[in-house]
Amino acid sequence: MYPVELTTPMAKDLTDFGFNSLHSPEEVDAILSKKEGTTLVVVNSVCGCAAANARPGAKIAVQNEKRPDNLYTVFAGVDKEAVNRTREFLLPYAPSSPAIALFKDGKLVHMLERMHIEGRSAQMIAENLKMAFDHYC
């Protein structure tokens, strides 16, 4: 687990932009069990690719004309139980942080794992997400 002093600014990078934090398995269940609408979930992380690519890419993408109804984030290494429960909804994908997932009507429809984030620019990630938003939202 990471010290809160370290992770608070990283979490605020998304929550100050309209993402809501999920801190418990019960919160995750309440959100990801919904069978209506679209939801974007960012599995946040302290790594450099989260700071340089994932968080900025997600923030750029949600400025798209079509965007998810709901924006959420969980923080790996901080809210362990919430992250573990989120990862159950992300199956069959292996645990990955950072990661960005789009759900539609309770089903996972688009997934960016760390391997799709690391080494790619925030703009590339945003364009990938925008295409998914245009298709599913």
Protein backbone atom coordinates (compact mmCIF):
# COMPACT_ATOMS: atom_id res chain seq x y z
CA MET A 1 0.00 0.00 0.00
CA TYR A 2 1.22 3.46 -0.89
CA PRO A 3 1.23 6.41 1.54
CA VAL A 4 -1.78 8.68 1.09
CA GLU A 5 0.51 11.71 0.86
CA LEU A 6 2.01 10.23 -2.30
CA THR A 7 -1.19 9.14 -4.00
CA THR A 8 -3.60 11.99 -3.19
CA PRO A 9 -2.36 14.30 -5.97
CA MET A 10 -2.42 11.40 -8.44
CA ALA A 11 -6.00 10.55 -7.49
CA LYS A 12 -7.05 14.20 -7.68
CA ASP A 13 -5.72 14.36 -11.22
CA LEU A 14 -8.84 12.38 -12.20
CA THR A 15 -11.32 13.30 -9.47
CA ASP A 16 -10.78 17.02 -10.09
CA PHE A 17 -11.70 16.28 -13.71
CA GLY A 18 -15.06 14.66 -12.92
CA PHE A 19 -14.12 11.05 -12.15
CA ASN A 20 -15.57 9.59 -8.95
CA SER A 21 -13.40 7.40 -6.75
CA LEU A 22 -14.53 3.94 -5.72
CA HIS A 23 -13.07 2.85 -2.39
CA SER A 24 -14.88 -0.36 -1.49
CA PRO A 25 -16.06 -3.57 -3.16
CA GLU A 26 -19.64 -2.55 -2.37
CA GLU A 27 -19.23 0.72 -4.28
CA VAL A 28 -17.73 -1.15 -7.23
CA ASP A 29 -20.62 -3.65 -7.22
CA ALA A 30 -23.20 -0.86 -7.09
CA ILE A 31 -21.68 0.89 -10.11
CA LEU A 32 -20.51 -1.97 -12.32
CA SER A 33 -23.60 -4.11 -11.78
CA LYS A 34 -25.82 -1.49 -13.41
CA LYS A 35 -27.41 -2.83 -16.57
CA GLU A 36 -28.06 0.54 -18.21
CA GLY A 37 -25.75 3.20 -19.60
CA THR A 38 -22.03 3.49 -20.18
CA THR A 39 -19.30 3.65 -17.58
CA LEU A 40 -15.59 4.34 -17.92
CA VAL A 41 -13.32 3.01 -15.18
CA VAL A 42 -9.67 3.98 -14.86
CA VAL A 43 -7.52 1.72 -12.71
CA ASN A 44 -5.11 4.40 -11.55
CA SER A 45 -1.51 3.77 -10.56
CA VAL A 46 1.61 5.53 -9.29
CA CYS A 47 3.66 4.43 -12.30
CA GLY A 48 4.99 6.81 -14.91
CA CYS A 49 2.76 5.49 -17.68
CA ALA A 50 -0.31 6.35 -15.59
CA ALA A 51 0.96 9.89 -15.08
CA ALA A 52 2.19 10.51 -18.62
CA ASN A 53 -0.26 8.46 -20.65
CA ALA A 54 -3.31 6.90 -18.94
CA ARG A 55 -4.65 9.79 -16.87
CA PRO A 56 -4.03 12.48 -19.51
CA GLY A 57 -5.42 10.20 -22.24
CA ALA A 58 -8.60 9.54 -20.26
CA LYS A 59 -9.06 13.25 -19.55
CA ILE A 60 -8.63 14.16 -23.22
CA ALA A 61 -11.00 11.39 -24.33
CA VAL A 62 -13.89 12.39 -22.07
CA GLN A 63 -13.97 15.80 -23.77
CA ASN A 64 -15.29 13.97 -26.85
CA GLU A 65 -18.81 14.82 -28.06
CA LYS A 66 -19.88 11.25 -27.27
CA ARG A 67 -18.70 10.15 -23.86
CA PRO A 68 -19.64 7.68 -21.14
CA ASP A 69 -22.52 8.45 -18.83
CA ASN A 70 -20.38 7.70 -15.77
CA LEU A 71 -16.70 8.22 -14.95
CA TYR A 72 -15.02 6.28 -12.15
CA THR A 73 -11.57 5.44 -10.89
CA VAL A 74 -10.01 2.98 -8.47
CA PHE A 75 -6.42 3.28 -7.28
CA ALA A 76 -4.14 0.22 -7.37
CA GLY A 77 -2.00 -0.01 -4.26
CA VAL A 78 -4.43 2.16 -2.30
CA ASP A 79 -7.96 0.71 -2.33
CA LYS A 80 -6.96 -2.93 -2.57
CA GLU A 81 -10.39 -4.49 -2.07
CA ALA A 82 -12.08 -2.10 -4.53
CA VAL A 83 -9.39 -2.76 -7.13
CA ASN A 84 -9.65 -6.52 -6.66
CA ARG A 85 -13.42 -6.38 -7.11
CA THR A 86 -13.04 -4.17 -10.19
CA ARG A 87 -10.63 -6.69 -11.66
CA GLU A 88 -13.29 -9.38 -11.34
CA PHE A 89 -15.46 -7.31 -13.68
CA LEU A 90 -12.49 -7.00 -16.06
CA LEU A 91 -12.09 -10.73 -16.58
CA PRO A 92 -10.87 -12.42 -18.75
CA TYR A 93 -8.18 -9.71 -18.79
CA ALA A 94 -5.30 -10.22 -16.38
CA PRO A 95 -4.78 -7.70 -13.57
CA SER A 96 -3.23 -4.57 -15.00
CA SER A 97 -2.47 -1.13 -13.70
CA PRO A 98 -2.97 1.25 -15.12
CA ALA A 99 -5.94 0.08 -17.15
CA ILE A 100 -8.97 1.75 -18.70
CA ALA A 101 -12.25 -0.09 -19.22
CA LEU A 102 -15.52 0.88 -20.87
CA PHE A 103 -18.75 -0.85 -19.85
CA LYS A 104 -22.07 -0.67 -21.66
CA ASP A 105 -25.25 -1.94 -20.06
CA GLY A 106 -23.21 -3.87 -17.50
CA LYS A 107 -20.87 -5.54 -20.01
CA LEU A 108 -17.20 -4.87 -20.61
CA VAL A 109 -16.98 -3.65 -24.22
CA HIS A 110 -13.53 -2.04 -24.49
CA MET A 111 -10.32 -2.53 -22.54
CA LEU A 112 -6.91 -0.90 -22.52
CA GLU A 113 -4.39 -2.87 -20.52
CA ARG A 114 -1.02 -1.55 -19.37
CA MET A 115 0.56 -3.02 -22.51
CA HIS A 116 -1.76 -0.77 -24.57
CA ILE A 117 -0.87 2.29 -22.46
CA GLU A 118 2.84 2.00 -21.80
CA GLY A 119 4.89 3.57 -24.58
CA ARG A 120 1.90 5.24 -26.23
CA SER A 121 1.15 8.94 -26.05
CA ALA A 122 -1.80 10.36 -24.17
CA GLN A 123 -3.19 11.50 -27.52
CA MET A 124 -3.01 7.96 -28.95
CA ILE A 125 -4.81 6.60 -25.90
CA ALA A 126 -7.42 9.35 -26.16
CA GLU A 127 -8.03 8.60 -29.85
CA ASN A 128 -8.47 4.90 -29.06
CA LEU A 129 -10.98 5.73 -26.33
CA LYS A 130 -12.82 8.27 -28.49
CA MET A 131 -13.37 5.61 -31.15
CA ALA A 132 -14.82 3.32 -28.47
CA PHE A 133 -17.01 6.16 -27.16
CA ASP A 134 -18.27 6.95 -30.68
CA HIS A 135 -19.19 3.28 -31.11
CA TYR A 136 -20.69 2.48 -27.70
CA CYS A 137 -21.87 5.76 -26.15
